[in-house]
Amino acid sequence: MRQTCLRVLLYLGSVYDPNLLTLSFPEYILRELEMTRSSGTEKRKIIQYHFLVWKDFQAPEHPAGILKYIRRVNEAYSLEKGPILIHCR
């Protein structure tokens, strides 16, 4: 996980366990994290989709990868799981 993402999670007052699940695909990584509030009172499972092939300040070279990624996120999403958070650097 990039240091930027880690700093955001720690800023939110949470501790995470990065060892639950990591699946690597050519264009993205899917991670399952367990977040625990620093007070230890609440735990949440977070699914992180990390798109890898989007260069800074440019569009992806081929649309197939980003479309496959969006389809994967949409298939996994439901209202019961809560909102989708998009983090761009």
C-alpha atoms as a PDB file:
ATOM      1  CA  MET A   1       0.000   0.000   0.000  1.00  0.00           C
ATOM      2  CA  ARG A   2       1.306   3.441  -0.853  1.00  0.00           C
ATOM      3  CA  GLN A   3       2.426   5.666   1.988  1.00  0.00           C
ATOM      4  CA  THR A   4      -0.165   8.288   0.950  1.00  0.00           C
ATOM      5  CA  CYS A   5      -3.030   5.838   1.541  1.00  0.00           C
ATOM      6  CA  LEU A   6      -1.557   4.710   4.834  1.00  0.00           C
ATOM      7  CA  ARG A   7      -1.288   8.314   6.072  1.00  0.00           C
ATOM      8  CA  VAL A   8      -4.958   8.944   5.218  1.00  0.00           C
ATOM      9  CA  LEU A   9      -6.068   5.848   7.141  1.00  0.00           C
ATOM     10  CA  LEU A  10      -3.967   6.738  10.167  1.00  0.00           C
ATOM     11  CA  TYR A  11      -5.236  10.337  10.066  1.00  0.00           C
ATOM     12  CA  LEU A  12      -8.784   9.010  10.349  1.00  0.00           C
ATOM     13  CA  GLY A  13      -7.859   7.509  13.730  1.00  0.00           C
ATOM     14  CA  SER A  14      -7.840   3.894  12.658  1.00  0.00           C
ATOM     15  CA  VAL A  15      -5.453   0.980  12.782  1.00  0.00           C
ATOM     16  CA  TYR A  16      -5.593  -1.530   9.966  1.00  0.00           C
ATOM     17  CA  ASP A  17      -4.679  -5.163   9.423  1.00  0.00           C
ATOM     18  CA  PRO A  18      -3.316  -5.490   5.862  1.00  0.00           C
ATOM     19  CA  ASN A  19      -3.024  -9.267   5.915  1.00  0.00           C
ATOM     20  CA  LEU A  20      -6.591 -10.381   5.270  1.00  0.00           C
ATOM     21  CA  LEU A  21      -6.662 -10.682   1.468  1.00  0.00           C
ATOM     22  CA  THR A  22      -4.745  -9.350  -1.520  1.00  0.00           C
ATOM     23  CA  LEU A  23      -5.588 -10.327  -5.093  1.00  0.00           C
ATOM     24  CA  SER A  24      -3.385  -9.023  -7.899  1.00  0.00           C
ATOM     25  CA  PHE A  25      -4.617  -8.482 -11.443  1.00  0.00           C
ATOM     26  CA  PRO A  26      -2.732  -6.934 -14.392  1.00  0.00           C
ATOM     27  CA  GLU A  27      -4.455  -3.536 -14.053  1.00  0.00           C
ATOM     28  CA  TYR A  28      -5.414  -3.409 -10.370  1.00  0.00           C
ATOM     29  CA  ILE A  29      -5.028  -4.860  -6.896  1.00  0.00           C
ATOM     30  CA  LEU A  30      -7.963  -5.791  -4.670  1.00  0.00           C
ATOM     31  CA  ARG A  31      -7.244  -5.638  -0.928  1.00  0.00           C
ATOM     32  CA  GLU A  32      -9.428  -6.538   2.015  1.00  0.00           C
ATOM     33  CA  LEU A  33      -8.507  -4.558   5.113  1.00  0.00           C
ATOM     34  CA  GLU A  34      -9.887  -4.619   8.621  1.00  0.00           C
ATOM     35  CA  MET A  35     -10.012  -1.198  10.207  1.00  0.00           C
ATOM     36  CA  THR A  36     -10.249  -0.759  13.965  1.00  0.00           C
ATOM     37  CA  ARG A  37     -10.777   2.595  15.637  1.00  0.00           C
ATOM     38  CA  SER A  38      -7.879   3.591  17.864  1.00  0.00           C
ATOM     39  CA  SER A  39     -10.244   3.319  20.821  1.00  0.00           C
ATOM     40  CA  GLY A  40     -10.868  -0.326  19.851  1.00  0.00           C
ATOM     41  CA  THR A  41     -14.645   0.130  19.925  1.00  0.00           C
ATOM     42  CA  GLU A  42     -15.516  -0.431  16.270  1.00  0.00           C
ATOM     43  CA  LYS A  43     -14.233  -2.665  13.455  1.00  0.00           C
ATOM     44  CA  ARG A  44     -15.023  -2.424   9.758  1.00  0.00           C
ATOM     45  CA  LYS A  45     -14.064  -4.422   6.718  1.00  0.00           C
ATOM     46  CA  ILE A  46     -12.846  -2.223   3.862  1.00  0.00           C
ATOM     47  CA  ILE A  47     -12.387  -3.398   0.279  1.00  0.00           C
ATOM     48  CA  GLN A  48      -9.777  -1.354  -1.568  1.00  0.00           C
ATOM     49  CA  TYR A  49      -9.582  -1.408  -5.359  1.00  0.00           C
ATOM     50  CA  HIS A  50      -6.223   0.045  -6.399  1.00  0.00           C
ATOM     51  CA  PHE A  51      -5.984   0.843 -10.129  1.00  0.00           C
ATOM     52  CA  LEU A  52      -2.337   0.599 -11.192  1.00  0.00           C
ATOM     53  CA  VAL A  53      -2.016   1.674 -14.810  1.00  0.00           C
ATOM     54  CA  TRP A  54      -3.234   5.267 -14.798  1.00  0.00           C
ATOM     55  CA  LYS A  55      -0.276   7.580 -15.153  1.00  0.00           C
ATOM     56  CA  ASP A  56      -0.353  10.959 -13.410  1.00  0.00           C
ATOM     57  CA  PHE A  57      -1.968  13.725 -15.462  1.00  0.00           C
ATOM     58  CA  GLN A  58      -2.820  11.400 -18.374  1.00  0.00           C
ATOM     59  CA  ALA A  59      -5.706   9.239 -19.494  1.00  0.00           C
ATOM     60  CA  PRO A  60      -5.247   5.463 -19.575  1.00  0.00           C
ATOM     61  CA  GLU A  61      -3.662   4.320 -22.830  1.00  0.00           C
ATOM     62  CA  HIS A  62      -6.351   1.664 -23.483  1.00  0.00           C
ATOM     63  CA  PRO A  63      -9.953   1.734 -22.215  1.00  0.00           C
ATOM     64  CA  ALA A  64     -10.278  -2.045 -21.722  1.00  0.00           C
ATOM     65  CA  GLY A  65      -8.438  -2.070 -18.359  1.00  0.00           C
ATOM     66  CA  ILE A  66     -10.396   0.774 -16.761  1.00  0.00           C
ATOM     67  CA  LEU A  67     -13.706  -0.626 -18.054  1.00  0.00           C
ATOM     68  CA  LYS A  68     -12.942  -4.063 -16.579  1.00  0.00           C
ATOM     69  CA  TYR A  69     -12.012  -2.357 -13.291  1.00  0.00           C
ATOM     70  CA  ILE A  70     -15.264  -0.343 -13.179  1.00  0.00           C
ATOM     71  CA  ARG A  71     -17.286  -3.493 -13.932  1.00  0.00           C
ATOM     72  CA  ARG A  72     -15.565  -5.334 -11.050  1.00  0.00           C
ATOM     73  CA  VAL A  73     -16.305  -2.499  -8.596  1.00  0.00           C
ATOM     74  CA  ASN A  74     -19.944  -2.254  -9.739  1.00  0.00           C
ATOM     75  CA  GLU A  75     -20.454  -6.023  -9.380  1.00  0.00           C
ATOM     76  CA  ALA A  76     -19.237  -5.947  -5.780  1.00  0.00           C
ATOM     77  CA  TYR A  77     -21.114  -2.813  -4.698  1.00  0.00           C
ATOM     78  CA  SER A  78     -24.373  -2.776  -2.761  1.00  0.00           C
ATOM     79  CA  LEU A  79     -26.125  -0.111  -0.680  1.00  0.00           C
ATOM     80  CA  GLU A  80     -25.734  -2.271   2.440  1.00  0.00           C
ATOM     81  CA  LYS A  81     -21.945  -2.022   2.192  1.00  0.00           C
ATOM     82  CA  GLY A  82     -22.013   1.754   2.449  1.00  0.00           C
ATOM     83  CA  PRO A  83     -20.585   4.448   0.222  1.00  0.00           C
ATOM     84  CA  ILE A  84     -17.760   4.135  -2.266  1.00  0.00           C
ATOM     85  CA  LEU A  85     -14.821   6.369  -1.451  1.00  0.00           C
ATOM     86  CA  ILE A  86     -12.647   7.458  -4.372  1.00  0.00           C
ATOM     87  CA  HIS A  87      -9.138   8.521  -3.462  1.00  0.00           C
ATOM     88  CA  CYS A  88      -6.976  10.256  -6.049  1.00  0.00           C
ATOM     89  CA  ARG A  89      -3.534  10.851  -4.622  1.00  0.00           C
END
